[in-house]
Amino acid sequence: MTNFRGQAVLITGASSGIGEALAREFARQGANLALAARRTDRLERLARELEATGRRAMAVACDVTKDGDLERAAAATRTAFGRIDVVVANAGFGVVGRVEQLTLEDYRRQFETNVFGVLRTVQATLSDVKRAHGRIVIMGSVSGHIATPNSSPYAMSKFAVRALAEALGHELARDGVSVTLISPGFVESEIRRVDNDGALRDAAPDPIPAWLVLSAPTAARHIVHAVGRRRREAVITGHGRVFVFLNRHAPWLTAAIIRAFGVRSRGEPSR
């Protein structure tokens, strides 16, 4: 197991789901955490929890869609810990629906968070990570490999960050910086209860059967292991690995399965 003891890790979208679980796992492996998200009340509770285990942690109010927020988050991390070794561009949500039912603004909103938010995160921290010969982690999705009906905004955004991760990996190799793309399948999180405007619908049920959903702590352990090993990509969940493999080697079969069985993305949770 790679030891992150004494390293500073900045995580966006750290207030819930995979981001929150990653904060706990990195702390378990000795890292100090800068927790960035919009919901600072949740971040502060998580920071207190991590500090009780002997780690240093700080909450940073941050909206990845706003210019300047990531620079301020990076500066606060630098001030608190003196360095940034690992950056996890995790913040994101999913816009879903048929193309004819969506507007250009729906697509712009999706890309502002899932693509430009990732790019803002990378650009704000790149000099620090290069100095540390550190690690950049980009949260993709199995949907960045396979697009299903009703998922075009989300899938487009995840295809885009997969391309970003690949290009960055080549660009930064000589600087000793690794770029790891994480492509989760169904993992325990709030994302399936967030509507197309990015608002959480607490009462909405999870449309995915519980037996298909991997727990966030288990996913976090796999992710941190992959980051520690500086892997180029890690597909998280067994079903995710199966579908990515099939789509790479027999895309015609994947298409046939999607069309024959009427596979489609989840619906938007009730507003």
Protein backbone atom coordinates (compact mmCIF):
# COMPACT_ATOMS: atom_id res chain seq x y z
CA MET A 1 0.00 0.00 0.00
CA THR A 2 1.38 3.41 -0.98
CA ASN A 3 1.90 5.66 2.00
CA PHE A 4 0.63 9.22 1.56
CA ARG A 5 1.91 10.26 4.99
CA GLY A 6 2.61 13.97 5.17
CA GLN A 7 1.34 14.64 1.66
CA ALA A 8 -1.29 17.30 0.97
CA VAL A 9 -4.34 16.20 -0.99
CA LEU A 10 -6.92 18.62 -2.45
CA ILE A 11 -10.29 17.08 -3.31
CA THR A 12 -13.12 18.90 -5.06
CA GLY A 13 -16.66 17.68 -4.47
CA ALA A 14 -15.55 16.40 -1.07
CA SER A 15 -18.87 16.97 0.72
CA SER A 16 -20.48 13.65 -0.24
CA GLY A 17 -20.19 10.35 -2.10
CA ILE A 18 -16.89 9.33 -3.61
CA GLY A 19 -15.19 12.61 -2.68
CA GLU A 20 -16.07 12.24 0.99
CA ALA A 21 -14.99 8.58 1.02
CA LEU A 22 -11.71 9.49 -0.69
CA ALA A 23 -10.99 12.07 1.99
CA ARG A 24 -11.35 9.40 4.68
CA GLU A 25 -9.21 6.89 2.76
CA PHE A 26 -6.40 9.36 2.02
CA ALA A 27 -6.46 10.41 5.69
CA ARG A 28 -6.26 6.74 6.71
CA GLN A 29 -3.09 6.53 4.65
CA GLY A 30 -1.54 9.54 6.36
CA ALA A 31 -2.42 12.47 4.09
CA ASN A 32 -3.52 15.96 5.11
CA LEU A 33 -6.71 17.05 3.39
CA ALA A 34 -8.04 20.21 1.77
CA LEU A 35 -11.76 19.60 1.31
CA ALA A 36 -13.38 21.76 -1.37
CA ALA A 37 -17.08 22.03 -2.21
CA ARG A 38 -20.04 24.39 -1.97
CA ARG A 39 -21.62 22.82 1.13
CA THR A 40 -19.18 24.03 3.77
CA ASP A 41 -21.27 22.75 6.69
CA ARG A 42 -20.67 19.20 5.50
CA LEU A 43 -17.00 19.91 4.82
CA GLU A 44 -16.46 21.31 8.30
CA ARG A 45 -18.02 18.23 9.90
CA LEU A 46 -15.80 15.98 7.80
CA ALA A 47 -12.70 18.07 8.61
CA ARG A 48 -13.40 17.74 12.34
CA GLU A 49 -13.84 13.99 11.93
CA LEU A 50 -10.50 13.65 10.14
CA GLU A 51 -8.67 15.86 12.62
CA ALA A 52 -9.94 13.63 15.42
CA THR A 53 -7.92 10.82 13.82
CA GLY A 54 -4.73 12.88 14.01
CA ARG A 55 -4.70 14.21 10.49
CA ARG A 56 -4.78 17.85 9.46
CA ALA A 57 -7.85 18.86 7.45
CA MET A 58 -9.42 22.07 6.26
CA ALA A 59 -12.71 23.02 4.61
CA VAL A 60 -12.59 25.39 1.64
CA ALA A 61 -15.71 26.92 0.10
CA CYS A 62 -15.39 26.33 -3.63
CA ASP A 63 -17.65 26.30 -6.68
CA VAL A 64 -15.78 24.74 -9.61
CA THR A 65 -17.94 26.67 -12.09
CA LYS A 66 -16.69 30.05 -10.83
CA ASP A 67 -13.47 31.58 -12.09
CA GLY A 68 -11.07 32.24 -9.23
CA ASP A 69 -12.54 29.77 -6.73
CA LEU A 70 -10.02 27.04 -7.52
CA GLU A 71 -7.12 29.49 -7.35
CA ARG A 72 -8.30 30.55 -3.88
CA ALA A 73 -8.68 26.90 -2.82
CA ALA A 74 -5.17 26.11 -4.05
CA ALA A 75 -3.75 29.16 -2.26
CA ALA A 76 -5.47 28.17 1.00
CA THR A 77 -4.07 24.63 0.69
CA ARG A 78 -0.59 25.98 -0.01
CA THR A 79 -0.79 28.28 3.01
CA ALA A 80 -2.02 25.54 5.34
CA PHE A 81 0.23 22.67 4.25
CA GLY A 82 3.06 24.30 2.28
CA ARG A 83 2.50 22.06 -0.72
CA ILE A 84 -0.02 20.21 -2.91
CA ASP A 85 0.95 16.65 -3.80
CA VAL A 86 -2.30 15.15 -5.04
CA VAL A 87 -5.26 16.84 -6.71
CA VAL A 88 -8.54 15.01 -7.16
CA ALA A 89 -10.89 16.68 -9.67
CA ASN A 90 -14.01 14.95 -8.43
CA ALA A 91 -16.82 17.52 -8.46
CA GLY A 92 -19.55 16.69 -10.96
CA PHE A 93 -23.19 15.85 -11.61
CA GLY A 94 -25.30 14.41 -14.43
CA VAL A 95 -27.72 16.01 -16.87
CA VAL A 96 -29.97 13.39 -18.48
CA GLY A 97 -32.79 13.31 -21.03
CA ARG A 98 -33.50 12.86 -24.71
CA VAL A 99 -31.72 15.27 -27.03
CA GLU A 100 -34.97 16.81 -28.30
CA GLN A 101 -36.06 17.53 -24.74
CA LEU A 102 -32.85 19.27 -23.69
CA THR A 103 -31.61 22.78 -24.45
CA LEU A 104 -28.18 24.11 -25.29
CA GLU A 105 -28.15 25.61 -21.81
CA ASP A 106 -28.52 22.11 -20.33
CA TYR A 107 -25.39 21.03 -22.19
CA ARG A 108 -23.52 24.20 -21.22
CA ARG A 109 -24.40 23.67 -17.55
CA GLN A 110 -23.15 20.09 -17.74
CA PHE A 111 -19.86 21.05 -19.33
CA GLU A 112 -19.30 24.00 -17.00
CA THR A 113 -19.09 21.65 -14.02
CA ASN A 114 -17.87 18.35 -15.42
CA VAL A 115 -15.36 19.62 -17.98
CA PHE A 116 -14.39 23.21 -17.28
CA GLY A 117 -14.56 22.56 -13.54
CA VAL A 118 -11.98 19.80 -13.99
CA LEU A 119 -9.86 22.04 -16.19
CA ARG A 120 -10.01 24.88 -13.66
CA THR A 121 -8.89 22.45 -10.95
CA VAL A 122 -5.94 21.24 -13.00
CA GLN A 123 -4.80 24.69 -14.08
CA ALA A 124 -5.01 26.12 -10.55
CA THR A 125 -2.80 23.40 -9.08
CA LEU A 126 -0.54 22.30 -11.92
CA SER A 127 2.59 24.19 -10.82
CA ASP A 128 2.29 22.73 -7.31
CA VAL A 129 1.83 19.18 -8.52
CA LYS A 130 4.75 19.50 -10.94
CA ARG A 131 6.95 20.81 -8.13
CA ALA A 132 5.99 17.82 -5.99
CA HIS A 133 6.24 15.26 -8.84
CA GLY A 134 2.77 14.45 -7.65
CA ARG A 135 -0.47 13.03 -8.90
CA ILE A 136 -3.55 14.34 -10.70
CA VAL A 137 -6.76 12.34 -10.41
CA ILE A 138 -9.61 13.00 -12.84
CA MET A 139 -13.04 11.56 -12.12
CA GLY A 140 -14.44 10.09 -15.30
CA SER A 141 -17.09 7.40 -15.62
CA VAL A 142 -17.94 4.19 -17.44
CA SER A 143 -20.19 6.64 -19.34
CA GLY A 144 -16.97 8.11 -20.71
CA HIS A 145 -16.55 4.85 -22.62
CA ILE A 146 -20.16 3.89 -23.37
CA ALA A 147 -22.98 6.32 -24.12
CA THR A 148 -26.52 5.10 -23.56
CA PRO A 149 -29.80 6.70 -24.64
CA ASN A 150 -30.87 9.71 -22.55
CA SER A 151 -27.29 10.31 -21.36
CA SER A 152 -25.73 12.47 -24.07
CA PRO A 153 -24.79 15.53 -21.91
CA TYR A 154 -23.23 13.45 -19.14
CA ALA A 155 -21.54 11.00 -21.51
CA MET A 156 -20.16 13.81 -23.66
CA SER A 157 -18.66 15.46 -20.57
CA LYS A 158 -17.02 12.22 -19.44
CA PHE A 159 -15.69 11.41 -22.93
CA ALA A 160 -14.15 14.91 -22.84
CA VAL A 161 -12.37 14.47 -19.51
CA ARG A 162 -11.11 11.06 -20.64
CA ALA A 163 -9.41 12.84 -23.55
CA LEU A 164 -8.05 15.47 -21.16
CA ALA A 165 -6.59 12.80 -18.88
CA GLU A 166 -4.95 11.02 -21.81
CA ALA A 167 -3.40 14.21 -23.20
CA LEU A 168 -2.25 15.39 -19.77
CA GLY A 169 -0.68 12.03 -19.04
CA HIS A 170 1.55 12.42 -22.10
CA GLU A 171 2.30 16.10 -21.43
CA LEU A 172 3.31 15.63 -17.79
CA ALA A 173 5.20 12.33 -17.95
CA ARG A 174 8.59 14.06 -18.16
CA ASP A 175 7.71 16.19 -15.15
CA GLY A 176 7.24 13.12 -13.00
CA VAL A 177 3.52 13.76 -12.64
CA SER A 178 1.05 10.90 -13.05
CA VAL A 179 -2.50 11.39 -14.29
CA THR A 180 -5.02 8.75 -13.25
CA LEU A 181 -8.46 8.61 -14.84
CA ILE A 182 -11.04 7.00 -12.56
CA SER A 183 -14.01 5.48 -14.39
CA PRO A 184 -16.63 4.34 -11.87
CA GLY A 185 -19.70 2.30 -12.64
CA PHE A 186 -22.52 2.43 -10.10
CA VAL A 187 -21.07 3.66 -6.81
CA GLU A 188 -22.91 4.84 -3.70
CA SER A 189 -23.39 8.61 -4.08
CA GLU A 190 -25.95 11.38 -4.38
CA ILE A 191 -25.44 11.88 -8.12
CA ARG A 192 -28.54 9.88 -9.09
CA ARG A 193 -30.67 12.10 -6.83
CA VAL A 194 -29.46 15.37 -8.37
CA ASP A 195 -31.64 16.99 -11.02
CA ASN A 196 -30.57 18.62 -14.27
CA ASP A 197 -30.09 21.97 -12.52
CA GLY A 198 -27.68 20.45 -10.02
CA ALA A 199 -30.14 20.48 -7.10
CA LEU A 200 -30.25 17.52 -4.70
CA ARG A 201 -33.64 15.83 -4.42
CA ASP A 202 -33.36 14.11 -1.04
CA ALA A 203 -36.62 12.19 -1.33
CA ALA A 204 -35.86 10.71 -4.75
CA PRO A 205 -35.16 6.96 -4.64
CA ASP A 206 -31.99 5.53 -6.14
CA PRO A 207 -33.10 4.01 -9.48
CA ILE A 208 -30.23 1.49 -9.47
CA PRO A 209 -30.76 -1.87 -7.70
CA ALA A 210 -28.76 -2.00 -4.47
CA TRP A 211 -26.95 -5.19 -5.52
CA LEU A 212 -25.35 -3.30 -8.42
CA VAL A 213 -24.10 -0.38 -6.30
CA LEU A 214 -20.59 -0.50 -4.83
CA SER A 215 -20.14 1.15 -1.45
CA ALA A 216 -18.26 4.46 -1.48
CA PRO A 217 -15.59 3.31 1.04
CA THR A 218 -14.82 0.22 -1.07
CA ALA A 219 -14.59 2.34 -4.21
CA ALA A 220 -12.30 4.79 -2.40
CA ARG A 221 -9.91 2.02 -1.40
CA HIS A 222 -9.64 0.87 -5.02
CA ILE A 223 -9.18 4.45 -6.23
CA VAL A 224 -6.46 5.38 -3.73
CA HIS A 225 -4.63 2.12 -4.51
CA ALA A 226 -4.67 2.99 -8.23
CA VAL A 227 -3.50 6.55 -7.55
CA GLY A 228 -0.69 5.26 -5.34
CA ARG A 229 0.47 2.96 -8.13
CA ARG A 230 0.23 5.86 -10.60
CA ARG A 231 -2.03 3.85 -12.89
CA ARG A 232 -3.21 5.51 -16.10
CA GLU A 233 -6.83 4.45 -15.57
CA ALA A 234 -8.88 2.45 -13.11
CA VAL A 235 -12.38 1.24 -13.94
CA ILE A 236 -14.22 0.85 -10.65
CA THR A 237 -16.86 -1.91 -10.19
CA GLY A 238 -16.93 -5.32 -11.80
CA HIS A 239 -19.86 -4.56 -14.09
CA GLY A 240 -18.06 -1.42 -15.24
CA ARG A 241 -14.96 -3.37 -16.21
CA VAL A 242 -17.07 -5.91 -18.12
CA PHE A 243 -18.87 -3.27 -20.18
CA VAL A 244 -15.73 -1.23 -20.90
CA PHE A 245 -13.95 -4.42 -22.03
CA LEU A 246 -16.86 -5.40 -24.28
CA ASN A 247 -17.10 -1.94 -25.78
CA ARG A 248 -13.38 -1.85 -26.54
CA HIS A 249 -13.22 -5.28 -28.13
CA ALA A 250 -16.75 -5.87 -29.47
CA PRO A 251 -18.53 -2.52 -29.79
CA TRP A 252 -21.10 -4.08 -32.10
CA LEU A 253 -22.10 -6.42 -29.26
CA THR A 254 -22.46 -3.56 -26.79
CA ALA A 255 -24.67 -1.68 -29.25
CA ALA A 256 -26.78 -4.78 -29.83
CA ILE A 257 -27.29 -5.28 -26.08
CA ILE A 258 -28.25 -1.63 -25.54
CA ARG A 259 -30.79 -1.68 -28.36
CA ALA A 260 -32.16 -5.18 -27.81
CA PHE A 261 -32.78 -4.73 -24.10
CA GLY A 262 -33.74 -1.06 -24.22
CA VAL A 263 -30.84 0.02 -21.97
CA ARG A 264 -31.03 3.71 -21.18
CA SER A 265 -29.71 6.19 -18.68
CA ARG A 266 -31.52 6.86 -15.43
CA GLY A 267 -34.30 9.44 -15.51
CA GLU A 268 -34.07 12.86 -13.92
CA PRO A 269 -35.19 12.77 -10.26
CA SER A 270 -38.50 14.54 -9.54
CA ARG A 271 -38.26 18.25 -9.01
